[in-house]
């Protein structure tokens, strides 16, 4: 993990909104981790494309969640991922 994180900045999900407002994250190499705390049953767009919505949290502040929308190949590959997965 130390090798993978070398020269990268860890930003907690609960800090992401504030960091996006105060820093230019496009200029740094950063990572975040989250736990799937809620999954919505796969939905379909008006044109028939299926997608999933996950609510992610870092378990530090349960009121601060990020919604992640999964489309295309990402949806096909990961839609069965269990709630509680990191």
PDB file of N, CA and C in Angstrom:
ATOM      1  N   UNK A   1       0.825  -1.188   0.000  1.00  0.00           N
ATOM      2  CA  UNK A   1       0.000   0.000   0.000  1.00  0.00           C
ATOM      3  C   UNK A   1       0.869   1.250   0.000  1.00  0.00           C
ATOM      4  N   UNK A   2       1.972   1.214   0.739  1.00  0.00           N
ATOM      5  CA  UNK A   2       2.878   2.372   0.751  1.00  0.00           C
ATOM      6  C   UNK A   2       3.373   2.697  -0.654  1.00  0.00           C
ATOM      7  N   UNK A   3       3.698   1.668  -1.417  1.00  0.00           N
ATOM      8  CA  UNK A   3       4.190   1.887  -2.783  1.00  0.00           C
ATOM      9  C   UNK A   3       3.096   2.472  -3.673  1.00  0.00           C
ATOM     10  N   UNK A   4       1.871   1.975  -3.547  1.00  0.00           N
ATOM     11  CA  UNK A   4       0.758   2.473  -4.352  1.00  0.00           C
ATOM     12  C   UNK A   4       0.399   3.914  -3.990  1.00  0.00           C
ATOM     13  N   UNK A   5       0.600   4.292  -2.739  1.00  0.00           N
ATOM     14  CA  UNK A   5       0.224   5.629  -2.266  1.00  0.00           C
ATOM     15  C   UNK A   5       1.368   6.641  -2.394  1.00  0.00           C
ATOM     16  N   UNK A   6       2.536   6.201  -2.808  1.00  0.00           N
ATOM     17  CA  UNK A   6       3.678   7.114  -2.929  1.00  0.00           C
ATOM     18  C   UNK A   6       3.328   8.273  -3.859  1.00  0.00           C
ATOM     19  N   UNK A   7       3.595   9.487  -3.384  1.00  0.00           N
ATOM     20  CA  UNK A   7       3.345  10.713  -4.144  1.00  0.00           C
ATOM     21  C   UNK A   7       1.874  10.989  -4.422  1.00  0.00           C
ATOM     22  N   UNK A   8       0.989  10.350  -3.701  1.00  0.00           N
ATOM     23  CA  UNK A   8      -0.446  10.586  -3.840  1.00  0.00           C
ATOM     24  C   UNK A   8      -0.982  11.172  -2.542  1.00  0.00           C
ATOM     25  N   UNK A   9      -2.025  11.956  -2.674  1.00  0.00           N
ATOM     26  CA  UNK A   9      -2.653  12.564  -1.503  1.00  0.00           C
ATOM     27  C   UNK A   9      -3.966  11.840  -1.212  1.00  0.00           C
ATOM     28  N   UNK A  10      -4.150  11.425   0.040  1.00  0.00           N
ATOM     29  CA  UNK A  10      -5.392  10.801   0.464  1.00  0.00           C
ATOM     30  C   UNK A  10      -6.377  11.894   0.852  1.00  0.00           C
ATOM     31  N   UNK A  11      -7.542  11.864   0.243  1.00  0.00           N
ATOM     32  CA  UNK A  11      -8.618  12.786   0.600  1.00  0.00           C
ATOM     33  C   UNK A  11      -9.810  11.942   1.026  1.00  0.00           C
ATOM     34  N   UNK A  12     -10.230  12.128   2.266  1.00  0.00           N
ATOM     35  CA  UNK A  12     -11.383  11.374   2.766  1.00  0.00           C
ATOM     36  C   UNK A  12     -12.650  11.839   2.046  1.00  0.00           C
ATOM     37  N   UNK A  13     -13.584  10.907   1.827  1.00  0.00           N
ATOM     38  CA  UNK A  13     -14.833  11.271   1.177  1.00  0.00           C
ATOM     39  C   UNK A  13     -15.546  12.398   1.917  1.00  0.00           C
ATOM     40  N   UNK A  14     -15.492  12.370   3.246  1.00  0.00           N
ATOM     41  CA  UNK A  14     -16.167  13.404   4.024  1.00  0.00           C
ATOM     42  C   UNK A  14     -15.511  14.775   3.852  1.00  0.00           C
ATOM     43  N   UNK A  15     -14.292  14.819   3.304  1.00  0.00           N
ATOM     44  CA  UNK A  15     -13.588  16.081   3.060  1.00  0.00           C
ATOM     45  C   UNK A  15     -13.671  16.522   1.602  1.00  0.00           C
ATOM     46  N   UNK A  16     -14.179  15.675   0.738  1.00  0.00           N
ATOM     47  CA  UNK A  16     -14.112  15.918  -0.694  1.00  0.00           C
ATOM     48  C   UNK A  16     -14.817  17.198  -1.124  1.00  0.00           C
ATOM     49  N   UNK A  17     -16.000  17.447  -0.620  1.00  0.00           N
ATOM     50  CA  UNK A  17     -16.746  18.655  -1.009  1.00  0.00           C
ATOM     51  C   UNK A  17     -15.945  19.915  -0.675  1.00  0.00           C
ATOM     52  N   UNK A  18     -15.382  19.965   0.515  1.00  0.00           N
ATOM     53  CA  UNK A  18     -14.576  21.120   0.924  1.00  0.00           C
ATOM     54  C   UNK A  18     -13.309  21.236   0.076  1.00  0.00           C
ATOM     55  N   UNK A  19     -12.650  20.117  -0.191  1.00  0.00           N
ATOM     56  CA  UNK A  19     -11.421  20.133  -0.987  1.00  0.00           C
ATOM     57  C   UNK A  19     -11.694  20.595  -2.420  1.00  0.00           C
ATOM     58  N   UNK A  20     -12.823  20.165  -2.988  1.00  0.00           N
ATOM     59  CA  UNK A  20     -13.168  20.601  -4.343  1.00  0.00           C
ATOM     60  C   UNK A  20     -13.386  22.108  -4.413  1.00  0.00           C
ATOM     61  N   UNK A  21     -13.901  22.675  -3.321  1.00  0.00           N
ATOM     62  CA  UNK A  21     -14.157  24.109  -3.284  1.00  0.00           C
ATOM     63  C   UNK A  21     -12.897  24.933  -3.048  1.00  0.00           C
ATOM     64  N   UNK A  22     -11.888  24.340  -2.399  1.00  0.00           N
ATOM     65  CA  UNK A  22     -10.721  25.129  -1.996  1.00  0.00           C
ATOM     66  C   UNK A  22      -9.433  24.778  -2.720  1.00  0.00           C
ATOM     67  N   UNK A  23      -9.389  23.640  -3.413  1.00  0.00           N
ATOM     68  CA  UNK A  23      -8.159  23.215  -4.076  1.00  0.00           C
ATOM     69  C   UNK A  23      -8.447  22.812  -5.516  1.00  0.00           C
ATOM     70  N   UNK A  24      -7.446  22.924  -6.361  1.00  0.00           N
ATOM     71  CA  UNK A  24      -7.557  22.447  -7.735  1.00  0.00           C
ATOM     72  C   UNK A  24      -7.080  21.004  -7.768  1.00  0.00           C
ATOM     73  N   UNK A  25      -8.006  20.072  -7.614  1.00  0.00           N
ATOM     74  CA  UNK A  25      -7.645  18.659  -7.514  1.00  0.00           C
ATOM     75  C   UNK A  25      -7.199  18.068  -8.847  1.00  0.00           C
ATOM     76  N   UNK A  26      -7.433  18.784  -9.939  1.00  0.00           N
ATOM     77  CA  UNK A  26      -6.976  18.299 -11.246  1.00  0.00           C
ATOM     78  C   UNK A  26      -5.458  18.359 -11.366  1.00  0.00           C
ATOM     79  N   UNK A  27      -4.828  19.141 -10.502  1.00  0.00           N
ATOM     80  CA  UNK A  27      -3.374  19.314 -10.583  1.00  0.00           C
ATOM     81  C   UNK A  27      -2.591  18.402  -9.657  1.00  0.00           C
ATOM     82  N   UNK A  28      -3.289  17.583  -8.852  1.00  0.00           N
ATOM     83  CA  UNK A  28      -2.589  16.675  -7.952  1.00  0.00           C
ATOM     84  C   UNK A  28      -3.090  15.246  -8.160  1.00  0.00           C
ATOM     85  N   UNK A  29      -2.260  14.298  -7.786  1.00  0.00           N
ATOM     86  CA  UNK A  29      -2.616  12.884  -7.860  1.00  0.00           C
ATOM     87  C   UNK A  29      -3.208  12.500  -6.513  1.00  0.00           C
ATOM     88  N   UNK A  30      -4.505  12.285  -6.461  1.00  0.00           N
ATOM     89  CA  UNK A  30      -5.156  12.003  -5.192  1.00  0.00           C
ATOM     90  C   UNK A  30      -6.020  10.744  -5.299  1.00  0.00           C
ATOM     91  N   UNK A  31      -6.294  10.161  -4.135  1.00  0.00           N
ATOM     92  CA  UNK A  31      -7.126   8.960  -4.047  1.00  0.00           C
ATOM     93  C   UNK A  31      -8.104   9.135  -2.895  1.00  0.00           C
ATOM     94  N   UNK A  32      -9.154   8.335  -2.942  1.00  0.00           N
ATOM     95  CA  UNK A  32     -10.102   8.298  -1.846  1.00  0.00           C
ATOM     96  C   UNK A  32     -10.601   6.867  -1.694  1.00  0.00           C
ATOM     97  N   UNK A  33     -11.158   6.577  -0.557  1.00  0.00           N
ATOM     98  CA  UNK A  33     -11.714   5.259  -0.274  1.00  0.00           C
ATOM     99  C   UNK A  33     -13.127   5.453   0.248  1.00  0.00           C
ATOM    100  N   UNK A  34     -14.002   4.518  -0.073  1.00  0.00           N
ATOM    101  CA  UNK A  34     -15.362   4.608   0.423  1.00  0.00           C
ATOM    102  C   UNK A  34     -15.967   3.229   0.588  1.00  0.00           C
ATOM    103  N   UNK A  35     -16.996   3.203   1.410  1.00  0.00           N
ATOM    104  CA  UNK A  35     -17.764   1.993   1.661  1.00  0.00           C
ATOM    105  C   UNK A  35     -19.134   2.199   1.022  1.00  0.00           C
ATOM    106  N   UNK A  36     -19.623   1.182   0.321  1.00  0.00           N
ATOM    107  CA  UNK A  36     -20.971   1.271  -0.236  1.00  0.00           C
ATOM    108  C   UNK A  36     -21.952   1.120   0.922  1.00  0.00           C
ATOM    109  N   UNK A  37     -22.610   2.214   1.288  1.00  0.00           N
ATOM    110  CA  UNK A  37     -23.551   2.169   2.407  1.00  0.00           C
ATOM    111  C   UNK A  37     -24.994   2.003   1.939  1.00  0.00           C
ATOM    112  N   UNK A  38     -25.233   2.235   0.644  1.00  0.00           N
ATOM    113  CA  UNK A  38     -26.579   2.041   0.098  1.00  0.00           C
ATOM    114  C   UNK A  38     -26.478   1.851  -1.402  1.00  0.00           C
ATOM    115  N   UNK A  39     -27.264   0.928  -1.903  1.00  0.00           N
ATOM    116  CA  UNK A  39     -27.346   0.696  -3.344  1.00  0.00           C
ATOM    117  C   UNK A  39     -28.801   0.838  -3.766  1.00  0.00           C
ATOM    118  N   UNK A  40     -29.016   1.519  -4.877  1.00  0.00           N
ATOM    119  CA  UNK A  40     -30.344   1.638  -5.451  1.00  0.00           C
ATOM    120  C   UNK A  40     -30.481   0.550  -6.512  1.00  0.00           C
ATOM    121  N   UNK A  41     -31.638  -0.048  -6.614  1.00  0.00           N
ATOM    122  CA  UNK A  41     -31.886  -1.046  -7.651  1.00  0.00           C
ATOM    123  C   UNK A  41     -31.549  -0.438  -9.003  1.00  0.00           C
ATOM    124  N   UNK A  42     -30.850  -1.176  -9.880  1.00  0.00           N
ATOM    125  CA  UNK A  42     -30.492  -0.616 -11.185  1.00  0.00           C
ATOM    126  C   UNK A  42     -31.680   0.041 -11.878  1.00  0.00           C
ATOM    127  N   UNK A  43     -31.399   1.186 -12.493  1.00  0.00           N
ATOM    128  CA  UNK A  43     -32.407   2.005 -13.163  1.00  0.00           C
ATOM    129  C   UNK A  43     -32.146   1.995 -14.665  1.00  0.00           C
ATOM    130  N   UNK A  44     -33.115   2.470 -15.438  1.00  0.00           N
ATOM    131  CA  UNK A  44     -32.938   2.617 -16.887  1.00  0.00           C
ATOM    132  C   UNK A  44     -33.156   4.062 -17.281  1.00  0.00           C
ATOM    133  N   UNK A  45     -32.311   4.543 -18.200  1.00  0.00           N
ATOM    134  CA  UNK A  45     -32.486   5.888 -18.737  1.00  0.00           C
ATOM    135  C   UNK A  45     -33.620   5.868 -19.755  1.00  0.00           C
ATOM    136  N   UNK A  46     -33.999   7.041 -20.248  1.00  0.00           N
ATOM    137  CA  UNK A  46     -35.066   7.129 -21.255  1.00  0.00           C
ATOM    138  C   UNK A  46     -34.714   6.369 -22.529  1.00  0.00           C
ATOM    139  N   UNK A  47     -33.422   6.260 -22.829  1.00  0.00           N
ATOM    140  CA  UNK A  47     -33.021   5.546 -24.045  1.00  0.00           C
ATOM    141  C   UNK A  47     -32.719   4.064 -23.779  1.00  0.00           C
ATOM    142  N   UNK A  48     -33.041   3.577 -22.584  1.00  0.00           N
ATOM    143  CA  UNK A  48     -32.908   2.163 -22.280  1.00  0.00           C
ATOM    144  C   UNK A  48     -31.587   1.722 -21.689  1.00  0.00           C
ATOM    145  N   UNK A  49     -30.646   2.634 -21.495  1.00  0.00           N
ATOM    146  CA  UNK A  49     -29.360   2.263 -20.888  1.00  0.00           C
ATOM    147  C   UNK A  49     -29.561   2.046 -19.386  1.00  0.00           C
ATOM    148  N   UNK A  50     -28.997   0.973 -18.861  1.00  0.00           N
ATOM    149  CA  UNK A  50     -29.125   0.645 -17.441  1.00  0.00           C
ATOM    150  C   UNK A  50     -27.941   1.227 -16.676  1.00  0.00           C
ATOM    151  N   UNK A  51     -28.214   1.696 -15.468  1.00  0.00           N
ATOM    152  CA  UNK A  51     -27.166   2.242 -14.615  1.00  0.00           C
ATOM    153  C   UNK A  51     -27.476   1.934 -13.162  1.00  0.00           C
ATOM    154  N   UNK A  52     -26.474   2.074 -12.324  1.00  0.00           N
ATOM    155  CA  UNK A  52     -26.616   1.863 -10.880  1.00  0.00           C
ATOM    156  C   UNK A  52     -26.230   3.133 -10.146  1.00  0.00           C
ATOM    157  N   UNK A  53     -26.747   3.274  -8.952  1.00  0.00           N
ATOM    158  CA  UNK A  53     -26.371   4.385  -8.076  1.00  0.00           C
ATOM    159  C   UNK A  53     -25.943   3.795  -6.740  1.00  0.00           C
ATOM    160  N   UNK A  54     -24.746   4.165  -6.327  1.00  0.00           N
ATOM    161  CA  UNK A  54     -24.227   3.771  -5.015  1.00  0.00           C
ATOM    162  C   UNK A  54     -24.080   5.011  -4.156  1.00  0.00           C
ATOM    163  N   UNK A  55     -24.361   4.866  -2.872  1.00  0.00           N
ATOM    164  CA  UNK A  55     -24.063   5.914  -1.893  1.00  0.00           C
ATOM    165  C   UNK A  55     -22.817   5.451  -1.143  1.00  0.00           C
ATOM    166  N   UNK A  56     -21.776   6.271  -1.170  1.00  0.00           N
ATOM    167  CA  UNK A  56     -20.504   5.936  -0.545  1.00  0.00           C
ATOM    168  C   UNK A  56     -20.246   6.826   0.655  1.00  0.00           C
ATOM    169  N   UNK A  57     -19.562   6.269   1.653  1.00  0.00           N
ATOM    170  CA  UNK A  57     -19.225   7.005   2.862  1.00  0.00           C
ATOM    171  C   UNK A  57     -17.880   6.511   3.367  1.00  0.00           C
ATOM    172  N   UNK A  58     -17.157   7.359   4.088  1.00  0.00           N
ATOM    173  CA  UNK A  58     -15.861   6.939   4.644  1.00  0.00           C
ATOM    174  C   UNK A  58     -15.972   6.492   6.106  1.00  0.00           C
ATOM    175  N   UNK A  59     -17.180   6.411   6.621  1.00  0.00           N
ATOM    176  CA  UNK A  59     -17.503   5.972   7.981  1.00  0.00           C
ATOM    177  C   UNK A  59     -16.986   6.929   9.050  1.00  0.00           C
ATOM    178  N   UNK A  60     -16.515   8.083   8.639  1.00  0.00           N
ATOM    179  CA  UNK A  60     -16.082   9.092   9.606  1.00  0.00           C
ATOM    180  C   UNK A  60     -17.256  10.005   9.957  1.00  0.00           C
ATOM    181  N   UNK A  61     -18.022  10.406   8.953  1.00  0.00           N
ATOM    182  CA  UNK A  61     -19.193  11.258   9.140  1.00  0.00           C
ATOM    183  C   UNK A  61     -20.318  10.651   8.313  1.00  0.00           C
ATOM    184  N   UNK A  62     -21.239   9.952   8.972  1.00  0.00           N
ATOM    185  CA  UNK A  62     -22.288   9.228   8.265  1.00  0.00           C
ATOM    186  C   UNK A  62     -23.289  10.139   7.579  1.00  0.00           C
ATOM    187  N   UNK A  63     -23.238  11.438   7.851  1.00  0.00           N
ATOM    188  CA  UNK A  63     -24.116  12.391   7.176  1.00  0.00           C
ATOM    189  C   UNK A  63     -23.540  12.851   5.839  1.00  0.00           C
ATOM    190  N   UNK A  64     -22.263  12.600   5.596  1.00  0.00           N
ATOM    191  CA  UNK A  64     -21.595  13.024   4.357  1.00  0.00           C
ATOM    192  C   UNK A  64     -21.422  11.821   3.434  1.00  0.00           C
ATOM    193  N   UNK A  65     -22.300  11.716   2.442  1.00  0.00           N
ATOM    194  CA  UNK A  65     -22.221  10.632   1.471  1.00  0.00           C
ATOM    195  C   UNK A  65     -22.009  11.211   0.079  1.00  0.00           C
ATOM    196  N   UNK A  66     -21.428  10.403  -0.770  1.00  0.00           N
ATOM    197  CA  UNK A  66     -21.219  10.741  -2.174  1.00  0.00           C
ATOM    198  C   UNK A  66     -22.054   9.766  -2.994  1.00  0.00           C
ATOM    199  N   UNK A  67     -22.759  10.267  -3.987  1.00  0.00           N
ATOM    200  CA  UNK A  67     -23.486   9.393  -4.910  1.00  0.00           C
ATOM    201  C   UNK A  67     -22.596   9.104  -6.101  1.00  0.00           C
ATOM    202  N   UNK A  68     -22.463   7.834  -6.423  1.00  0.00           N
ATOM    203  CA  UNK A  68     -21.656   7.399  -7.551  1.00  0.00           C
ATOM    204  C   UNK A  68     -22.587   6.723  -8.556  1.00  0.00           C
ATOM    205  N   UNK A  69     -22.615   7.244  -9.783  1.00  0.00           N
ATOM    206  CA  UNK A  69     -23.449   6.691 -10.839  1.00  0.00           C
ATOM    207  C   UNK A  69     -22.570   5.812 -11.730  1.00  0.00           C
ATOM    208  N   UNK A  70     -22.987   4.575 -11.949  1.00  0.00           N
ATOM    209  CA  UNK A  70     -22.225   3.622 -12.750  1.00  0.00           C
ATOM    210  C   UNK A  70     -22.969   3.358 -14.048  1.00  0.00           C
ATOM    211  N   UNK A  71     -22.311   3.624 -15.184  1.00  0.00           N
ATOM    212  CA  UNK A  71     -22.898   3.431 -16.505  1.00  0.00           C
ATOM    213  C   UNK A  71     -22.043   2.472 -17.326  1.00  0.00           C
ATOM    214  N   UNK A  72     -22.599   1.984 -18.410  1.00  0.00           N
ATOM    215  CA  UNK A  72     -21.850   1.216 -19.410  1.00  0.00           C
ATOM    216  C   UNK A  72     -21.166  -0.013 -18.839  1.00  0.00           C
ATOM    217  N   UNK A  73     -19.901  -0.185 -19.242  1.00  0.00           N
ATOM    218  CA  UNK A  73     -19.132  -1.360 -18.827  1.00  0.00           C
ATOM    219  C   UNK A  73     -18.914  -1.391 -17.312  1.00  0.00           C
ATOM    220  N   UNK A  74     -18.762  -0.230 -16.703  1.00  0.00           N
ATOM    221  CA  UNK A  74     -18.569  -0.183 -15.248  1.00  0.00           C
ATOM    222  C   UNK A  74     -19.805  -0.733 -14.551  1.00  0.00           C
ATOM    223  N   UNK A  75     -20.988  -0.331 -15.014  1.00  0.00           N
ATOM    224  CA  UNK A  75     -22.231  -0.870 -14.442  1.00  0.00           C
ATOM    225  C   UNK A  75     -22.295  -2.379 -14.641  1.00  0.00           C
ATOM    226  N   UNK A  76     -22.028  -2.841 -15.870  1.00  0.00           N
ATOM    227  CA  UNK A  76     -22.113  -4.278 -16.169  1.00  0.00           C
ATOM    228  C   UNK A  76     -21.172  -5.095 -15.296  1.00  0.00           C
ATOM    229  N   UNK A  77     -19.983  -4.554 -15.060  1.00  0.00           N
ATOM    230  CA  UNK A  77     -18.976  -5.293 -14.302  1.00  0.00           C
ATOM    231  C   UNK A  77     -19.215  -5.258 -12.790  1.00  0.00           C
ATOM    232  N   UNK A  78     -19.810  -4.179 -12.277  1.00  0.00           N
ATOM    233  CA  UNK A  78     -19.847  -3.987 -10.826  1.00  0.00           C
ATOM    234  C   UNK A  78     -21.234  -3.916 -10.195  1.00  0.00           C
ATOM    235  N   UNK A  79     -22.313  -4.008 -10.944  1.00  0.00           N
ATOM    236  CA  UNK A  79     -23.626  -3.763 -10.355  1.00  0.00           C
ATOM    237  C   UNK A  79     -24.005  -4.765  -9.255  1.00  0.00           C
ATOM    238  N   UNK A  80     -23.395  -5.924  -9.264  1.00  0.00           N
ATOM    239  CA  UNK A  80     -23.696  -6.938  -8.240  1.00  0.00           C
ATOM    240  C   UNK A  80     -22.843  -6.802  -6.989  1.00  0.00           C
ATOM    241  N   UNK A  81     -21.949  -5.809  -6.950  1.00  0.00           N
ATOM    242  CA  UNK A  81     -21.087  -5.620  -5.783  1.00  0.00           C
ATOM    243  C   UNK A  81     -21.945  -5.427  -4.547  1.00  0.00           C
ATOM    244  N   UNK A  82     -21.589  -6.099  -3.460  1.00  0.00           N
ATOM    245  CA  UNK A  82     -22.389  -6.079  -2.232  1.00  0.00           C
ATOM    246  C   UNK A  82     -22.279  -4.764  -1.476  1.00  0.00           C
ATOM    247  N   UNK A  83     -23.386  -4.377  -0.873  1.00  0.00           N
ATOM    248  CA  UNK A  83     -23.377  -3.248   0.053  1.00  0.00           C
ATOM    249  C   UNK A  83     -22.423  -3.591   1.186  1.00  0.00           C
ATOM    250  N   UNK A  84     -21.645  -2.628   1.641  1.00  0.00           N
ATOM    251  CA  UNK A  84     -20.656  -2.864   2.679  1.00  0.00           C
ATOM    252  C   UNK A  84     -19.250  -3.068   2.128  1.00  0.00           C
ATOM    253  N   UNK A  85     -19.144  -3.201   0.796  1.00  0.00           N
ATOM    254  CA  UNK A  85     -17.844  -3.381   0.166  1.00  0.00           C
ATOM    255  C   UNK A  85     -17.071  -2.073   0.167  1.00  0.00           C
ATOM    256  N   UNK A  86     -15.756  -2.151   0.361  1.00  0.00           N
ATOM    257  CA  UNK A  86     -14.895  -0.965   0.315  1.00  0.00           C
ATOM    258  C   UNK A  86     -14.423  -0.797  -1.115  1.00  0.00           C
TER     259      UNK A  86
END
